[in-house]
């Protein structure tokens, strides 16, 4: 019976955490209409360019995805919860490397 209770507690805790992430992503954004997770999925082409210590520049598909996502949503990702395998500093440099006209994100 204890195993069942632990599993239920873990599941409830996980769901609360996920809902909190979505709420934080939506509150922090001024005009980002994407959720944290959908913005993250949209920037999958940029994964190699934002990996820690990666010398790989952003690809054209990465830059196109970044432009489509927009600066407010990028800032939500940069200031959101930690993302495994993503260097926030490198992610915040994507607009400059992709020659977009985004204002820099203020890293919190």
C-alpha atoms as a PDB file:
ATOM      1  CA  UNK A   1       0.000   0.000   0.000  1.00  0.00           C
ATOM      2  CA  UNK A   2       2.894   2.362   0.699  1.00  0.00           C
ATOM      3  CA  UNK A   3       4.222   1.925  -2.835  1.00  0.00           C
ATOM      4  CA  UNK A   4       0.859   2.944  -4.295  1.00  0.00           C
ATOM      5  CA  UNK A   5       0.711   6.035  -2.057  1.00  0.00           C
ATOM      6  CA  UNK A   6       4.258   7.015  -2.986  1.00  0.00           C
ATOM      7  CA  UNK A   7       3.477   6.681  -6.696  1.00  0.00           C
ATOM      8  CA  UNK A   8       0.340   8.792  -6.379  1.00  0.00           C
ATOM      9  CA  UNK A   9       2.221  11.416  -4.381  1.00  0.00           C
ATOM     10  CA  UNK A  10       5.032  11.467  -6.978  1.00  0.00           C
ATOM     11  CA  UNK A  11       2.559  11.802  -9.831  1.00  0.00           C
ATOM     12  CA  UNK A  12       0.682  14.628  -8.122  1.00  0.00           C
ATOM     13  CA  UNK A  13       3.963  16.423  -7.345  1.00  0.00           C
ATOM     14  CA  UNK A  14       5.085  16.066 -10.978  1.00  0.00           C
ATOM     15  CA  UNK A  15       1.777  17.429 -12.300  1.00  0.00           C
ATOM     16  CA  UNK A  16       1.879  20.403  -9.923  1.00  0.00           C
ATOM     17  CA  UNK A  17       5.450  21.142 -11.038  1.00  0.00           C
ATOM     18  CA  UNK A  18       4.494  21.019 -14.723  1.00  0.00           C
ATOM     19  CA  UNK A  19       1.508  23.309 -14.221  1.00  0.00           C
ATOM     20  CA  UNK A  20       3.734  25.739 -12.321  1.00  0.00           C
ATOM     21  CA  UNK A  21       6.214  25.799 -15.201  1.00  0.00           C
ATOM     22  CA  UNK A  22       3.490  26.656 -17.676  1.00  0.00           C
ATOM     23  CA  UNK A  23       2.109  29.387 -15.417  1.00  0.00           C
ATOM     24  CA  UNK A  24       5.581  30.900 -14.869  1.00  0.00           C
ATOM     25  CA  UNK A  25       6.247  30.881 -18.607  1.00  0.00           C
ATOM     26  CA  UNK A  26       2.974  32.646 -19.308  1.00  0.00           C
ATOM     27  CA  UNK A  27       3.330  35.203 -16.491  1.00  0.00           C
ATOM     28  CA  UNK A  28       6.937  36.099 -17.381  1.00  0.00           C
ATOM     29  CA  UNK A  29       6.135  36.792 -20.995  1.00  0.00           C
ATOM     30  CA  UNK A  30       4.733  40.104 -22.119  1.00  0.00           C
ATOM     31  CA  UNK A  31       3.609  39.011 -25.565  1.00  0.00           C
ATOM     32  CA  UNK A  32       4.655  35.375 -25.867  1.00  0.00           C
ATOM     33  CA  UNK A  33       1.641  33.293 -26.749  1.00  0.00           C
ATOM     34  CA  UNK A  34       3.498  29.964 -26.629  1.00  0.00           C
ATOM     35  CA  UNK A  35       3.785  27.790 -23.578  1.00  0.00           C
ATOM     36  CA  UNK A  36       7.245  27.067 -22.228  1.00  0.00           C
ATOM     37  CA  UNK A  37       7.181  23.577 -23.715  1.00  0.00           C
ATOM     38  CA  UNK A  38       5.917  24.534 -27.166  1.00  0.00           C
ATOM     39  CA  UNK A  39       8.580  27.268 -27.383  1.00  0.00           C
ATOM     40  CA  UNK A  40      11.198  24.726 -26.378  1.00  0.00           C
ATOM     41  CA  UNK A  41      10.012  22.283 -29.047  1.00  0.00           C
ATOM     42  CA  UNK A  42      10.077  25.022 -31.679  1.00  0.00           C
ATOM     43  CA  UNK A  43      13.772  25.618 -30.986  1.00  0.00           C
ATOM     44  CA  UNK A  44      14.837  21.988 -31.339  1.00  0.00           C
ATOM     45  CA  UNK A  45      16.848  22.883 -34.492  1.00  0.00           C
ATOM     46  CA  UNK A  46      19.042  25.034 -32.216  1.00  0.00           C
ATOM     47  CA  UNK A  47      19.974  22.226 -29.843  1.00  0.00           C
ATOM     48  CA  UNK A  48      23.514  21.742 -31.182  1.00  0.00           C
ATOM     49  CA  UNK A  49      24.216  25.481 -31.056  1.00  0.00           C
ATOM     50  CA  UNK A  50      23.197  25.901 -27.415  1.00  0.00           C
ATOM     51  CA  UNK A  51      24.768  22.780 -25.922  1.00  0.00           C
ATOM     52  CA  UNK A  52      27.324  23.611 -23.233  1.00  0.00           C
ATOM     53  CA  UNK A  53      30.746  24.421 -24.725  1.00  0.00           C
ATOM     54  CA  UNK A  54      29.474  23.842 -28.269  1.00  0.00           C
ATOM     55  CA  UNK A  55      31.544  25.407 -31.054  1.00  0.00           C
ATOM     56  CA  UNK A  56      28.724  24.772 -33.555  1.00  0.00           C
ATOM     57  CA  UNK A  57      27.122  27.955 -34.923  1.00  0.00           C
ATOM     58  CA  UNK A  58      23.328  28.083 -35.289  1.00  0.00           C
ATOM     59  CA  UNK A  59      22.056  26.577 -38.525  1.00  0.00           C
ATOM     60  CA  UNK A  60      19.751  28.340 -40.952  1.00  0.00           C
ATOM     61  CA  UNK A  61      16.841  26.227 -39.696  1.00  0.00           C
ATOM     62  CA  UNK A  62      17.712  27.278 -36.139  1.00  0.00           C
ATOM     63  CA  UNK A  63      17.721  30.968 -37.086  1.00  0.00           C
ATOM     64  CA  UNK A  64      14.424  30.596 -38.944  1.00  0.00           C
ATOM     65  CA  UNK A  65      12.880  28.886 -35.909  1.00  0.00           C
ATOM     66  CA  UNK A  66      14.225  31.653 -33.668  1.00  0.00           C
ATOM     67  CA  UNK A  67      12.707  34.372 -35.864  1.00  0.00           C
ATOM     68  CA  UNK A  68       9.372  32.548 -35.916  1.00  0.00           C
ATOM     69  CA  UNK A  69       9.428  32.136 -32.144  1.00  0.00           C
ATOM     70  CA  UNK A  70      10.203  35.779 -31.384  1.00  0.00           C
ATOM     71  CA  UNK A  71      12.148  37.590 -28.712  1.00  0.00           C
ATOM     72  CA  UNK A  72       9.575  37.438 -25.876  1.00  0.00           C
ATOM     73  CA  UNK A  73       9.331  33.638 -26.107  1.00  0.00           C
ATOM     74  CA  UNK A  74      13.105  33.263 -26.305  1.00  0.00           C
ATOM     75  CA  UNK A  75      13.374  35.296 -23.107  1.00  0.00           C
ATOM     76  CA  UNK A  76      10.820  33.031 -21.441  1.00  0.00           C
ATOM     77  CA  UNK A  77      13.053  30.061 -22.279  1.00  0.00           C
ATOM     78  CA  UNK A  78      16.258  31.799 -21.219  1.00  0.00           C
ATOM     79  CA  UNK A  79      14.741  32.842 -17.883  1.00  0.00           C
ATOM     80  CA  UNK A  80      12.674  29.715 -17.315  1.00  0.00           C
ATOM     81  CA  UNK A  81      13.614  26.601 -15.410  1.00  0.00           C
ATOM     82  CA  UNK A  82      16.921  24.913 -16.218  1.00  0.00           C
ATOM     83  CA  UNK A  83      16.885  22.816 -19.369  1.00  0.00           C
ATOM     84  CA  UNK A  84      19.165  19.801 -19.462  1.00  0.00           C
ATOM     85  CA  UNK A  85      21.836  20.154 -22.137  1.00  0.00           C
ATOM     86  CA  UNK A  86      21.174  23.853 -22.768  1.00  0.00           C
ATOM     87  CA  UNK A  87      23.567  26.653 -21.858  1.00  0.00           C
ATOM     88  CA  UNK A  88      21.362  29.700 -21.140  1.00  0.00           C
ATOM     89  CA  UNK A  89      24.181  32.083 -21.971  1.00  0.00           C
ATOM     90  CA  UNK A  90      24.597  30.517 -25.412  1.00  0.00           C
ATOM     91  CA  UNK A  91      20.830  30.550 -25.946  1.00  0.00           C
ATOM     92  CA  UNK A  92      20.715  34.270 -25.149  1.00  0.00           C
ATOM     93  CA  UNK A  93      23.390  34.850 -27.826  1.00  0.00           C
ATOM     94  CA  UNK A  94      21.326  33.224 -30.587  1.00  0.00           C
ATOM     95  CA  UNK A  95      19.718  36.488 -31.791  1.00  0.00           C
ATOM     96  CA  UNK A  96      23.127  38.064 -32.335  1.00  0.00           C
ATOM     97  CA  UNK A  97      24.495  34.974 -34.075  1.00  0.00           C
ATOM     98  CA  UNK A  98      21.392  34.771 -36.277  1.00  0.00           C
ATOM     99  CA  UNK A  99      21.511  38.510 -37.019  1.00  0.00           C
ATOM    100  CA  UNK A 100      17.990  39.150 -35.774  1.00  0.00           C
ATOM    101  CA  UNK A 101      16.897  42.520 -34.475  1.00  0.00           C
ATOM    102  CA  UNK A 102      15.835  41.251 -31.045  1.00  0.00           C
ATOM    103  CA  UNK A 103      16.420  43.222 -27.900  1.00  0.00           C
ATOM    104  CA  UNK A 104      18.692  41.276 -25.539  1.00  0.00           C
ATOM    105  CA  UNK A 105      16.982  39.164 -22.913  1.00  0.00           C
ATOM    106  CA  UNK A 106      17.580  40.231 -19.355  1.00  0.00           C
ATOM    107  CA  UNK A 107      18.835  37.092 -17.649  1.00  0.00           C
ATOM    108  CA  UNK A 108      17.311  36.756 -14.204  1.00  0.00           C
END
